[in-house]
């Protein structure tokens, strides 16, 4: 059995062109225990550092946040919990046949990747 990713502290970095708005949305998410539990598993904690897009990338990237990614050990359980919580979830298969889900919360996309 591999390492477990539930009941852990998850950490992510979010680089954005709108630090204030994204920071406020991230704070609303992190303050909602039910949403954190649905996305990452009961008892899990998360830290998301929001940092500004470097000036030299301005105009070279499409503005907006694309996703904040977390690895989870039971992707199907997280998808079910998120849908039960009324969240918008889409699923897919990425490069190397890696299953993932995109979950929209407070206008942000959170990517859940299966930890195998």
PDB file of N, CA and C in Angstrom:
ATOM      1  N   UNK A   1       0.860  -1.171   0.000  1.00  0.00           N
ATOM      2  CA  UNK A   1       0.000   0.000   0.000  1.00  0.00           C
ATOM      3  C   UNK A   1       0.906   1.233   0.000  1.00  0.00           C
ATOM      4  N   UNK A   2       0.588   2.192  -0.828  1.00  0.00           N
ATOM      5  CA  UNK A   2       1.368   3.422  -0.910  1.00  0.00           C
ATOM      6  C   UNK A   2       0.982   4.406   0.172  1.00  0.00           C
ATOM      7  N   UNK A   3       1.651   5.552   0.185  1.00  0.00           N
ATOM      8  CA  UNK A   3       1.339   6.565   1.199  1.00  0.00           C
ATOM      9  C   UNK A   3      -0.080   7.090   1.026  1.00  0.00           C
ATOM     10  N   UNK A   4      -0.716   7.406   2.126  1.00  0.00           N
ATOM     11  CA  UNK A   4      -2.083   7.943   2.099  1.00  0.00           C
ATOM     12  C   UNK A   4      -2.024   9.458   2.007  1.00  0.00           C
ATOM     13  N   UNK A   5      -2.992  10.029   1.297  1.00  0.00           N
ATOM     14  CA  UNK A   5      -3.037  11.482   1.163  1.00  0.00           C
ATOM     15  C   UNK A   5      -4.245  12.088   1.855  1.00  0.00           C
ATOM     16  N   UNK A   6      -5.093  11.260   2.485  1.00  0.00           N
ATOM     17  CA  UNK A   6      -6.204  11.828   3.237  1.00  0.00           C
ATOM     18  C   UNK A   6      -5.739  12.125   4.659  1.00  0.00           C
ATOM     19  N   UNK A   7      -6.460  12.918   5.371  1.00  0.00           N
ATOM     20  CA  UNK A   7      -6.138  13.305   6.743  1.00  0.00           C
ATOM     21  C   UNK A   7      -4.754  13.939   6.845  1.00  0.00           C
ATOM     22  N   UNK A   8      -4.342  14.587   5.801  1.00  0.00           N
ATOM     23  CA  UNK A   8      -3.041  15.230   5.770  1.00  0.00           C
ATOM     24  C   UNK A   8      -3.206  16.716   5.527  1.00  0.00           C
ATOM     25  N   UNK A   9      -2.104  17.418   5.611  1.00  0.00           N
ATOM     26  CA  UNK A   9      -2.077  18.818   5.238  1.00  0.00           C
ATOM     27  C   UNK A   9      -1.629  18.882   3.792  1.00  0.00           C
ATOM     28  N   UNK A  10      -2.522  19.338   2.941  1.00  0.00           N
ATOM     29  CA  UNK A  10      -2.236  19.532   1.528  1.00  0.00           C
ATOM     30  C   UNK A  10      -1.754  20.967   1.332  1.00  0.00           C
ATOM     31  N   UNK A  11      -0.805  21.144   0.440  1.00  0.00           N
ATOM     32  CA  UNK A  11      -0.299  22.486   0.164  1.00  0.00           C
ATOM     33  C   UNK A  11      -0.265  22.704  -1.339  1.00  0.00           C
ATOM     34  N   UNK A  12      -0.668  23.905  -1.762  1.00  0.00           N
ATOM     35  CA  UNK A  12      -0.674  24.243  -3.179  1.00  0.00           C
ATOM     36  C   UNK A  12      -0.235  25.686  -3.372  1.00  0.00           C
ATOM     37  N   UNK A  13       0.203  25.975  -4.565  1.00  0.00           N
ATOM     38  CA  UNK A  13       0.599  27.315  -4.959  1.00  0.00           C
ATOM     39  C   UNK A  13      -0.306  27.749  -6.087  1.00  0.00           C
ATOM     40  N   UNK A  14      -0.845  28.951  -5.990  1.00  0.00           N
ATOM     41  CA  UNK A  14      -1.721  29.498  -7.023  1.00  0.00           C
ATOM     42  C   UNK A  14      -1.110  30.809  -7.511  1.00  0.00           C
ATOM     43  N   UNK A  15      -0.693  30.829  -8.775  1.00  0.00           N
ATOM     44  CA  UNK A  15      -0.145  32.036  -9.389  1.00  0.00           C
ATOM     45  C   UNK A  15      -1.267  32.656 -10.213  1.00  0.00           C
ATOM     46  N   UNK A  16      -1.538  33.941  -9.974  1.00  0.00           N
ATOM     47  CA  UNK A  16      -2.696  34.568 -10.605  1.00  0.00           C
ATOM     48  C   UNK A  16      -2.425  36.019 -10.970  1.00  0.00           C
ATOM     49  N   UNK A  17      -3.205  36.515 -11.923  1.00  0.00           N
ATOM     50  CA  UNK A  17      -3.129  37.927 -12.300  1.00  0.00           C
ATOM     51  C   UNK A  17      -4.097  38.767 -11.471  1.00  0.00           C
ATOM     52  N   UNK A  18      -4.883  38.147 -10.593  1.00  0.00           N
ATOM     53  CA  UNK A  18      -5.843  38.868  -9.755  1.00  0.00           C
ATOM     54  C   UNK A  18      -5.719  38.351  -8.319  1.00  0.00           C
ATOM     55  N   UNK A  19      -4.623  38.725  -7.674  1.00  0.00           N
ATOM     56  CA  UNK A  19      -4.289  38.209  -6.352  1.00  0.00           C
ATOM     57  C   UNK A  19      -5.387  38.478  -5.319  1.00  0.00           C
ATOM     58  N   UNK A  20      -5.980  39.675  -5.351  1.00  0.00           N
ATOM     59  CA  UNK A  20      -6.996  40.029  -4.347  1.00  0.00           C
ATOM     60  C   UNK A  20      -8.248  39.166  -4.487  1.00  0.00           C
ATOM     61  N   UNK A  21      -8.781  39.058  -5.693  1.00  0.00           N
ATOM     62  CA  UNK A  21     -10.018  38.298  -5.901  1.00  0.00           C
ATOM     63  C   UNK A  21      -9.802  36.806  -5.666  1.00  0.00           C
ATOM     64  N   UNK A  22      -8.713  36.277  -6.191  1.00  0.00           N
ATOM     65  CA  UNK A  22      -8.438  34.849  -6.008  1.00  0.00           C
ATOM     66  C   UNK A  22      -8.145  34.562  -4.543  1.00  0.00           C
ATOM     67  N   UNK A  23      -7.398  35.432  -3.885  1.00  0.00           N
ATOM     68  CA  UNK A  23      -7.124  35.255  -2.462  1.00  0.00           C
ATOM     69  C   UNK A  23      -8.394  35.226  -1.639  1.00  0.00           C
ATOM     70  N   UNK A  24      -9.348  36.097  -1.964  1.00  0.00           N
ATOM     71  CA  UNK A  24     -10.629  36.123  -1.248  1.00  0.00           C
ATOM     72  C   UNK A  24     -11.410  34.836  -1.491  1.00  0.00           C
ATOM     73  N   UNK A  25     -11.414  34.338  -2.736  1.00  0.00           N
ATOM     74  CA  UNK A  25     -12.129  33.093  -3.048  1.00  0.00           C
ATOM     75  C   UNK A  25     -11.477  31.907  -2.344  1.00  0.00           C
ATOM     76  N   UNK A  26     -10.147  31.862  -2.322  1.00  0.00           N
ATOM     77  CA  UNK A  26      -9.431  30.789  -1.629  1.00  0.00           C
ATOM     78  C   UNK A  26      -9.745  30.832  -0.136  1.00  0.00           C
ATOM     79  N   UNK A  27      -9.766  32.022   0.443  1.00  0.00           N
ATOM     80  CA  UNK A  27     -10.072  32.160   1.878  1.00  0.00           C
ATOM     81  C   UNK A  27     -11.476  31.645   2.185  1.00  0.00           C
ATOM     82  N   UNK A  28     -12.460  31.960   1.319  1.00  0.00           N
ATOM     83  CA  UNK A  28     -13.830  31.459   1.532  1.00  0.00           C
ATOM     84  C   UNK A  28     -13.846  29.936   1.499  1.00  0.00           C
ATOM     85  N   UNK A  29     -13.113  29.353   0.563  1.00  0.00           N
ATOM     86  CA  UNK A  29     -13.043  27.895   0.472  1.00  0.00           C
ATOM     87  C   UNK A  29     -12.411  27.307   1.725  1.00  0.00           C
ATOM     88  N   UNK A  30     -11.263  27.834   2.120  1.00  0.00           N
ATOM     89  CA  UNK A  30     -10.533  27.278   3.267  1.00  0.00           C
ATOM     90  C   UNK A  30     -11.288  27.440   4.576  1.00  0.00           C
ATOM     91  N   UNK A  31     -12.157  28.439   4.666  1.00  0.00           N
ATOM     92  CA  UNK A  31     -12.949  28.665   5.872  1.00  0.00           C
ATOM     93  C   UNK A  31     -14.180  27.769   5.948  1.00  0.00           C
ATOM     94  N   UNK A  32     -14.479  27.034   4.878  1.00  0.00           N
ATOM     95  CA  UNK A  32     -15.672  26.191   4.824  1.00  0.00           C
ATOM     96  C   UNK A  32     -15.258  24.729   5.026  1.00  0.00           C
ATOM     97  N   UNK A  33     -15.341  24.271   6.266  1.00  0.00           N
ATOM     98  CA  UNK A  33     -14.900  22.922   6.631  1.00  0.00           C
ATOM     99  C   UNK A  33     -15.572  21.856   5.771  1.00  0.00           C
ATOM    100  N   UNK A  34     -16.846  22.014   5.458  1.00  0.00           N
ATOM    101  CA  UNK A  34     -17.562  21.011   4.658  1.00  0.00           C
ATOM    102  C   UNK A  34     -16.978  20.917   3.248  1.00  0.00           C
ATOM    103  N   UNK A  35     -16.603  22.052   2.663  1.00  0.00           N
ATOM    104  CA  UNK A  35     -16.015  22.028   1.329  1.00  0.00           C
ATOM    105  C   UNK A  35     -14.626  21.397   1.338  1.00  0.00           C
ATOM    106  N   UNK A  36     -13.826  21.739   2.328  1.00  0.00           N
ATOM    107  CA  UNK A  36     -12.488  21.140   2.436  1.00  0.00           C
ATOM    108  C   UNK A  36     -12.614  19.630   2.615  1.00  0.00           C
ATOM    109  N   UNK A  37     -13.533  19.189   3.473  1.00  0.00           N
ATOM    110  CA  UNK A  37     -13.742  17.761   3.687  1.00  0.00           C
ATOM    111  C   UNK A  37     -14.184  17.067   2.400  1.00  0.00           C
ATOM    112  N   UNK A  38     -15.110  17.683   1.646  1.00  0.00           N
ATOM    113  CA  UNK A  38     -15.590  17.084   0.399  1.00  0.00           C
ATOM    114  C   UNK A  38     -14.449  16.963  -0.610  1.00  0.00           C
ATOM    115  N   UNK A  39     -13.652  18.008  -0.736  1.00  0.00           N
ATOM    116  CA  UNK A  39     -12.602  18.033  -1.746  1.00  0.00           C
ATOM    117  C   UNK A  39     -11.426  17.129  -1.377  1.00  0.00           C
ATOM    118  N   UNK A  40     -10.976  17.177  -0.124  1.00  0.00           N
ATOM    119  CA  UNK A  40      -9.727  16.517   0.255  1.00  0.00           C
ATOM    120  C   UNK A  40      -9.892  15.339   1.200  1.00  0.00           C
ATOM    121  N   UNK A  41     -11.063  15.181   1.782  1.00  0.00           N
ATOM    122  CA  UNK A  41     -11.294  14.087   2.718  1.00  0.00           C
ATOM    123  C   UNK A  41     -11.492  14.614   4.120  1.00  0.00           C
ATOM    124  N   UNK A  42     -12.331  13.943   4.899  1.00  0.00           N
ATOM    125  CA  UNK A  42     -12.611  14.382   6.264  1.00  0.00           C
ATOM    126  C   UNK A  42     -11.329  14.528   7.082  1.00  0.00           C
ATOM    127  N   UNK A  43     -11.227  15.645   7.780  1.00  0.00           N
ATOM    128  CA  UNK A  43     -10.088  15.898   8.640  1.00  0.00           C
ATOM    129  C   UNK A  43      -8.856  16.450   7.950  1.00  0.00           C
ATOM    130  N   UNK A  44      -8.891  16.539   6.620  1.00  0.00           N
ATOM    131  CA  UNK A  44      -7.734  17.061   5.896  1.00  0.00           C
ATOM    132  C   UNK A  44      -7.643  18.574   6.056  1.00  0.00           C
ATOM    133  N   UNK A  45      -6.447  19.071   5.967  1.00  0.00           N
ATOM    134  CA  UNK A  45      -6.197  20.507   6.035  1.00  0.00           C
ATOM    135  C   UNK A  45      -5.539  20.945   4.735  1.00  0.00           C
ATOM    136  N   UNK A  46      -5.676  22.230   4.407  1.00  0.00           N
ATOM    137  CA  UNK A  46      -5.069  22.736   3.178  1.00  0.00           C
ATOM    138  C   UNK A  46      -4.496  24.121   3.403  1.00  0.00           C
ATOM    139  N   UNK A  47      -3.399  24.369   2.723  1.00  0.00           N
ATOM    140  CA  UNK A  47      -2.800  25.686   2.645  1.00  0.00           C
ATOM    141  C   UNK A  47      -2.638  25.998   1.167  1.00  0.00           C
ATOM    142  N   UNK A  48      -3.108  27.154   0.750  1.00  0.00           N
ATOM    143  CA  UNK A  48      -2.960  27.574  -0.640  1.00  0.00           C
ATOM    144  C   UNK A  48      -2.310  28.946  -0.636  1.00  0.00           C
ATOM    145  N   UNK A  49      -1.081  29.005  -1.121  1.00  0.00           N
ATOM    146  CA  UNK A  49      -0.377  30.276  -1.230  1.00  0.00           C
ATOM    147  C   UNK A  49      -0.770  30.931  -2.552  1.00  0.00           C
ATOM    148  N   UNK A  50      -1.265  32.154  -2.472  1.00  0.00           N
ATOM    149  CA  UNK A  50      -1.666  32.909  -3.658  1.00  0.00           C
ATOM    150  C   UNK A  50      -0.604  33.967  -3.912  1.00  0.00           C
ATOM    151  N   UNK A  51      -0.003  33.919  -5.092  1.00  0.00           N
ATOM    152  CA  UNK A  51       1.067  34.853  -5.434  1.00  0.00           C
ATOM    153  C   UNK A  51       0.761  35.508  -6.784  1.00  0.00           C
ATOM    154  N   UNK A  52       1.268  36.731  -6.978  1.00  0.00           N
ATOM    155  CA  UNK A  52       0.988  37.432  -8.232  1.00  0.00           C
ATOM    156  C   UNK A  52       1.754  36.833  -9.410  1.00  0.00           C
ATOM    157  N   UNK A  53       1.143  36.910 -10.547  1.00  0.00           N
ATOM    158  CA  UNK A  53       1.770  36.515 -11.798  1.00  0.00           C
ATOM    159  C   UNK A  53       2.973  37.420 -12.043  1.00  0.00           C
ATOM    160  N   UNK A  54       4.147  36.873 -12.330  1.00  0.00           N
ATOM    161  CA  UNK A  54       5.306  37.729 -12.591  1.00  0.00           C
ATOM    162  C   UNK A  54       5.036  38.697 -13.743  1.00  0.00           C
ATOM    163  N   UNK A  55       5.472  39.936 -13.585  1.00  0.00           N
ATOM    164  CA  UNK A  55       5.217  40.984 -14.580  1.00  0.00           C
ATOM    165  C   UNK A  55       5.680  40.584 -15.975  1.00  0.00           C
ATOM    166  N   UNK A  56       6.791  39.868 -16.056  1.00  0.00           N
ATOM    167  CA  UNK A  56       7.309  39.496 -17.373  1.00  0.00           C
ATOM    168  C   UNK A  56       6.412  38.511 -18.124  1.00  0.00           C
ATOM    169  N   UNK A  57       5.460  37.898 -17.419  1.00  0.00           N
ATOM    170  CA  UNK A  57       4.509  37.002 -18.077  1.00  0.00           C
ATOM    171  C   UNK A  57       3.213  37.713 -18.460  1.00  0.00           C
ATOM    172  N   UNK A  58       3.040  38.965 -18.027  1.00  0.00           N
ATOM    173  CA  UNK A  58       1.842  39.733 -18.366  1.00  0.00           C
ATOM    174  C   UNK A  58       1.683  39.831 -19.877  1.00  0.00           C
ATOM    175  N   UNK A  59       0.490  39.570 -20.369  1.00  0.00           N
ATOM    176  CA  UNK A  59       0.208  39.629 -21.786  1.00  0.00           C
ATOM    177  C   UNK A  59       0.605  38.377 -22.545  1.00  0.00           C
ATOM    178  N   UNK A  60       1.338  37.471 -21.900  1.00  0.00           N
ATOM    179  CA  UNK A  60       1.763  36.238 -22.563  1.00  0.00           C
ATOM    180  C   UNK A  60       0.897  35.050 -22.182  1.00  0.00           C
ATOM    181  N   UNK A  61       0.133  35.190 -21.102  1.00  0.00           N
ATOM    182  CA  UNK A  61      -0.740  34.124 -20.636  1.00  0.00           C
ATOM    183  C   UNK A  61      -2.173  34.620 -20.602  1.00  0.00           C
ATOM    184  N   UNK A  62      -3.098  33.701 -20.718  1.00  0.00           N
ATOM    185  CA  UNK A  62      -4.508  34.065 -20.599  1.00  0.00           C
ATOM    186  C   UNK A  62      -4.773  34.405 -19.141  1.00  0.00           C
ATOM    187  N   UNK A  63      -5.344  35.588 -18.842  1.00  0.00           N
ATOM    188  CA  UNK A  63      -5.615  35.953 -17.440  1.00  0.00           C
ATOM    189  C   UNK A  63      -6.571  34.976 -16.774  1.00  0.00           C
ATOM    190  N   UNK A  64      -6.422  34.850 -15.466  1.00  0.00           N
ATOM    191  CA  UNK A  64      -7.325  34.010 -14.689  1.00  0.00           C
ATOM    192  C   UNK A  64      -6.617  32.799 -14.129  1.00  0.00           C
ATOM    193  N   UNK A  65      -7.231  32.195 -13.144  1.00  0.00           N
ATOM    194  CA  UNK A  65      -6.698  30.992 -12.531  1.00  0.00           C
ATOM    195  C   UNK A  65      -7.165  29.797 -13.336  1.00  0.00           C
ATOM    196  N   UNK A  66      -6.281  28.867 -13.619  1.00  0.00           N
ATOM    197  CA  UNK A  66      -6.711  27.658 -14.312  1.00  0.00           C
ATOM    198  C   UNK A  66      -7.073  26.564 -13.321  1.00  0.00           C
ATOM    199  N   UNK A  67      -6.147  26.250 -12.422  1.00  0.00           N
ATOM    200  CA  UNK A  67      -6.504  25.248 -11.417  1.00  0.00           C
ATOM    201  C   UNK A  67      -5.495  25.223 -10.278  1.00  0.00           C
ATOM    202  N   UNK A  68      -5.961  24.702  -9.175  1.00  0.00           N
ATOM    203  CA  UNK A  68      -5.137  24.443  -8.002  1.00  0.00           C
ATOM    204  C   UNK A  68      -5.198  22.934  -7.826  1.00  0.00           C
ATOM    205  N   UNK A  69      -4.053  22.253  -7.857  1.00  0.00           N
ATOM    206  CA  UNK A  69      -4.025  20.793  -7.912  1.00  0.00           C
ATOM    207  C   UNK A  69      -3.694  20.152  -6.568  1.00  0.00           C
ATOM    208  N   UNK A  70      -4.397  19.052  -6.301  1.00  0.00           N
ATOM    209  CA  UNK A  70      -4.143  18.239  -5.120  1.00  0.00           C
ATOM    210  C   UNK A  70      -4.140  16.770  -5.531  1.00  0.00           C
ATOM    211  N   UNK A  71      -3.254  15.971  -4.942  1.00  0.00           N
ATOM    212  CA  UNK A  71      -3.259  14.523  -5.128  1.00  0.00           C
ATOM    213  C   UNK A  71      -4.107  13.902  -4.025  1.00  0.00           C
ATOM    214  N   UNK A  72      -4.972  12.966  -4.406  1.00  0.00           N
ATOM    215  CA  UNK A  72      -5.833  12.273  -3.444  1.00  0.00           C
ATOM    216  C   UNK A  72      -5.728  10.775  -3.680  1.00  0.00           C
ATOM    217  N   UNK A  73      -5.880   9.993  -2.607  1.00  0.00           N
ATOM    218  CA  UNK A  73      -5.719   8.549  -2.772  1.00  0.00           C
ATOM    219  C   UNK A  73      -7.006   7.829  -3.135  1.00  0.00           C
ATOM    220  N   UNK A  74      -8.148   8.467  -3.037  1.00  0.00           N
ATOM    221  CA  UNK A  74      -9.412   7.845  -3.430  1.00  0.00           C
ATOM    222  C   UNK A  74     -10.208   8.851  -4.254  1.00  0.00           C
ATOM    223  N   UNK A  75      -9.836   8.968  -5.507  1.00  0.00           N
ATOM    224  CA  UNK A  75     -10.458   9.961  -6.392  1.00  0.00           C
ATOM    225  C   UNK A  75     -11.964   9.758  -6.498  1.00  0.00           C
ATOM    226  N   UNK A  76     -12.407   8.521  -6.634  1.00  0.00           N
ATOM    227  CA  UNK A  76     -13.850   8.258  -6.762  1.00  0.00           C
ATOM    228  C   UNK A  76     -14.616   8.736  -5.528  1.00  0.00           C
ATOM    229  N   UNK A  77     -14.073   8.504  -4.339  1.00  0.00           N
ATOM    230  CA  UNK A  77     -14.732   8.961  -3.113  1.00  0.00           C
ATOM    231  C   UNK A  77     -14.798  10.484  -3.073  1.00  0.00           C
ATOM    232  N   UNK A  78     -13.743  11.157  -3.514  1.00  0.00           N
ATOM    233  CA  UNK A  78     -13.723  12.618  -3.519  1.00  0.00           C
ATOM    234  C   UNK A  78     -14.728  13.159  -4.537  1.00  0.00           C
ATOM    235  N   UNK A  79     -14.823  12.521  -5.706  1.00  0.00           N
ATOM    236  CA  UNK A  79     -15.801  12.938  -6.724  1.00  0.00           C
ATOM    237  C   UNK A  79     -17.209  12.803  -6.165  1.00  0.00           C
ATOM    238  N   UNK A  80     -17.497  11.662  -5.540  1.00  0.00           N
ATOM    239  CA  UNK A  80     -18.827  11.435  -4.958  1.00  0.00           C
ATOM    240  C   UNK A  80     -19.124  12.466  -3.875  1.00  0.00           C
ATOM    241  N   UNK A  81     -18.170  12.723  -2.981  1.00  0.00           N
ATOM    242  CA  UNK A  81     -18.385  13.689  -1.896  1.00  0.00           C
ATOM    243  C   UNK A  81     -18.609  15.096  -2.450  1.00  0.00           C
ATOM    244  N   UNK A  82     -17.859  15.463  -3.466  1.00  0.00           N
ATOM    245  CA  UNK A  82     -18.026  16.799  -4.054  1.00  0.00           C
ATOM    246  C   UNK A  82     -19.389  16.938  -4.728  1.00  0.00           C
ATOM    247  N   UNK A  83     -19.795  15.909  -5.461  1.00  0.00           N
ATOM    248  CA  UNK A  83     -21.121  15.958  -6.111  1.00  0.00           C
ATOM    249  C   UNK A  83     -22.226  15.978  -5.060  1.00  0.00           C
ATOM    250  N   UNK A  84     -22.077  15.210  -3.989  1.00  0.00           N
ATOM    251  CA  UNK A  84     -23.054  15.207  -2.902  1.00  0.00           C
ATOM    252  C   UNK A  84     -23.155  16.591  -2.262  1.00  0.00           C
ATOM    253  N   UNK A  85     -22.039  17.314  -2.218  1.00  0.00           N
ATOM    254  CA  UNK A  85     -22.014  18.674  -1.661  1.00  0.00           C
ATOM    255  C   UNK A  85     -22.553  19.704  -2.653  1.00  0.00           C
ATOM    256  N   UNK A  86     -22.978  19.246  -3.829  1.00  0.00           N
ATOM    257  CA  UNK A  86     -23.561  20.147  -4.818  1.00  0.00           C
ATOM    258  C   UNK A  86     -22.542  20.893  -5.667  1.00  0.00           C
ATOM    259  N   UNK A  87     -21.307  20.401  -5.708  1.00  0.00           N
ATOM    260  CA  UNK A  87     -20.260  21.076  -6.466  1.00  0.00           C
ATOM    261  C   UNK A  87     -20.235  20.592  -7.908  1.00  0.00           C
ATOM    262  N   UNK A  88     -19.816  21.472  -8.806  1.00  0.00           N
ATOM    263  CA  UNK A  88     -19.676  21.148 -10.216  1.00  0.00           C
ATOM    264  C   UNK A  88     -18.393  20.351 -10.401  1.00  0.00           C
ATOM    265  N   UNK A  89     -18.516  19.114 -10.913  1.00  0.00           N
ATOM    266  CA  UNK A  89     -17.370  18.226 -11.073  1.00  0.00           C
ATOM    267  C   UNK A  89     -17.346  17.688 -12.498  1.00  0.00           C
ATOM    268  N   UNK A  90     -16.169  17.740 -13.123  1.00  0.00           N
ATOM    269  CA  UNK A  90     -15.974  17.053 -14.401  1.00  0.00           C
ATOM    270  C   UNK A  90     -14.763  16.148 -14.245  1.00  0.00           C
ATOM    271  N   UNK A  91     -14.797  15.008 -14.929  1.00  0.00           N
ATOM    272  CA  UNK A  91     -13.718  14.030 -14.796  1.00  0.00           C
ATOM    273  C   UNK A  91     -13.092  13.764 -16.157  1.00  0.00           C
ATOM    274  N   UNK A  92     -11.855  13.296 -16.113  1.00  0.00           N
ATOM    275  CA  UNK A  92     -11.162  12.988 -17.348  1.00  0.00           C
ATOM    276  C   UNK A  92      -9.949  12.125 -17.090  1.00  0.00           C
ATOM    277  N   UNK A  93      -9.252  11.840 -18.171  1.00  0.00           N
ATOM    278  CA  UNK A  93      -8.013  11.075 -18.119  1.00  0.00           C
ATOM    279  C   UNK A  93      -6.934  11.942 -18.751  1.00  0.00           C
ATOM    280  N   UNK A  94      -5.865  12.173 -17.986  1.00  0.00           N
ATOM    281  CA  UNK A  94      -4.776  13.011 -18.455  1.00  0.00           C
ATOM    282  C   UNK A  94      -3.675  12.195 -19.110  1.00  0.00           C
ATOM    283  N   UNK A  95      -2.559  12.842 -19.398  1.00  0.00           N
ATOM    284  CA  UNK A  95      -1.414  12.155 -19.987  1.00  0.00           C
ATOM    285  C   UNK A  95      -0.982  10.963 -19.122  1.00  0.00           C
ATOM    286  N   UNK A  96      -0.589   9.894 -19.778  1.00  0.00           N
ATOM    287  CA  UNK A  96      -0.171   8.703 -19.040  1.00  0.00           C
ATOM    288  C   UNK A  96      -1.332   7.985 -18.382  1.00  0.00           C
ATOM    289  N   UNK A  97      -2.559   8.227 -18.877  1.00  0.00           N
ATOM    290  CA  UNK A  97      -3.771   7.601 -18.331  1.00  0.00           C
ATOM    291  C   UNK A  97      -4.010   7.949 -16.869  1.00  0.00           C
ATOM    292  N   UNK A  98      -3.621   9.153 -16.457  1.00  0.00           N
ATOM    293  CA  UNK A  98      -3.798   9.609 -15.080  1.00  0.00           C
ATOM    294  C   UNK A  98      -5.205  10.177 -14.895  1.00  0.00           C
ATOM    295  N   UNK A  99      -6.051   9.524 -14.077  1.00  0.00           N
ATOM    296  CA  UNK A  99      -7.402  10.037 -13.844  1.00  0.00           C
ATOM    297  C   UNK A  99      -7.361  11.334 -13.032  1.00  0.00           C
ATOM    298  N   UNK A 100      -8.283  12.236 -13.331  1.00  0.00           N
ATOM    299  CA  UNK A 100      -8.376  13.493 -12.596  1.00  0.00           C
ATOM    300  C   UNK A 100      -9.818  13.972 -12.582  1.00  0.00           C
ATOM    301  N   UNK A 101     -10.079  14.941 -11.706  1.00  0.00           N
ATOM    302  CA  UNK A 101     -11.383  15.605 -11.661  1.00  0.00           C
ATOM    303  C   UNK A 101     -11.142  17.097 -11.492  1.00  0.00           C
ATOM    304  N   UNK A 102     -11.971  17.897 -12.120  1.00  0.00           N
ATOM    305  CA  UNK A 102     -11.968  19.342 -11.915  1.00  0.00           C
ATOM    306  C   UNK A 102     -13.219  19.697 -11.136  1.00  0.00           C
ATOM    307  N   UNK A 103     -13.024  20.403 -10.033  1.00  0.00           N
ATOM    308  CA  UNK A 103     -14.122  20.788  -9.150  1.00  0.00           C
ATOM    309  C   UNK A 103     -14.135  22.308  -9.060  1.00  0.00           C
ATOM    310  N   UNK A 104     -15.276  22.915  -9.360  1.00  0.00           N
ATOM    311  CA  UNK A 104     -15.391  24.374  -9.308  1.00  0.00           C
ATOM    312  C   UNK A 104     -15.986  24.792  -7.973  1.00  0.00           C
ATOM    313  N   UNK A 105     -15.233  25.646  -7.256  1.00  0.00           N
ATOM    314  CA  UNK A 105     -15.652  26.179  -5.955  1.00  0.00           C
ATOM    315  C   UNK A 105     -15.329  27.662  -5.938  1.00  0.00           C
ATOM    316  N   UNK A 106     -16.309  28.493  -5.639  1.00  0.00           N
ATOM    317  CA  UNK A 106     -16.115  29.937  -5.514  1.00  0.00           C
ATOM    318  C   UNK A 106     -15.443  30.525  -6.752  1.00  0.00           C
ATOM    319  N   UNK A 107     -15.789  30.000  -7.923  1.00  0.00           N
ATOM    320  CA  UNK A 107     -15.235  30.523  -9.160  1.00  0.00           C
ATOM    321  C   UNK A 107     -13.837  30.027  -9.479  1.00  0.00           C
ATOM    322  N   UNK A 108     -13.277  29.153  -8.652  1.00  0.00           N
ATOM    323  CA  UNK A 108     -11.944  28.601  -8.875  1.00  0.00           C
ATOM    324  C   UNK A 108     -12.058  27.138  -9.286  1.00  0.00           C
ATOM    325  N   UNK A 109     -11.107  26.684 -10.103  1.00  0.00           N
ATOM    326  CA  UNK A 109     -11.043  25.270 -10.442  1.00  0.00           C
ATOM    327  C   UNK A 109      -9.999  24.591  -9.567  1.00  0.00           C
ATOM    328  N   UNK A 110     -10.418  23.517  -8.919  1.00  0.00           N
ATOM    329  CA  UNK A 110      -9.519  22.686  -8.132  1.00  0.00           C
ATOM    330  C   UNK A 110      -9.378  21.376  -8.893  1.00  0.00           C
ATOM    331  N   UNK A 111      -8.151  20.970  -9.126  1.00  0.00           N
ATOM    332  CA  UNK A 111      -7.888  19.719  -9.826  1.00  0.00           C
ATOM    333  C   UNK A 111      -7.513  18.659  -8.793  1.00  0.00           C
ATOM    334  N   UNK A 112      -8.212  17.536  -8.851  1.00  0.00           N
ATOM    335  CA  UNK A 112      -7.893  16.391  -8.010  1.00  0.00           C
ATOM    336  C   UNK A 112      -7.285  15.323  -8.914  1.00  0.00           C
ATOM    337  N   UNK A 113      -6.096  14.878  -8.559  1.00  0.00           N
ATOM    338  CA  UNK A 113      -5.398  13.873  -9.353  1.00  0.00           C
ATOM    339  C   UNK A 113      -5.283  12.614  -8.513  1.00  0.00           C
ATOM    340  N   UNK A 114      -5.554  11.479  -9.133  1.00  0.00           N
ATOM    341  CA  UNK A 114      -5.468  10.211  -8.411  1.00  0.00           C
ATOM    342  C   UNK A 114      -4.030   9.915  -8.021  1.00  0.00           C
ATOM    343  N   UNK A 115      -3.827   9.685  -6.731  1.00  0.00           N
ATOM    344  CA  UNK A 115      -2.523   9.291  -6.210  1.00  0.00           C
ATOM    345  C   UNK A 115      -2.465   7.785  -6.254  1.00  0.00           C
ATOM    346  N   UNK A 116      -1.582   7.244  -7.081  1.00  0.00           N
ATOM    347  CA  UNK A 116      -1.530   5.780  -7.223  1.00  0.00           C
ATOM    348  C   UNK A 116      -0.201   5.232  -6.801  1.00  0.00           C
TER     349      UNK A 116
END
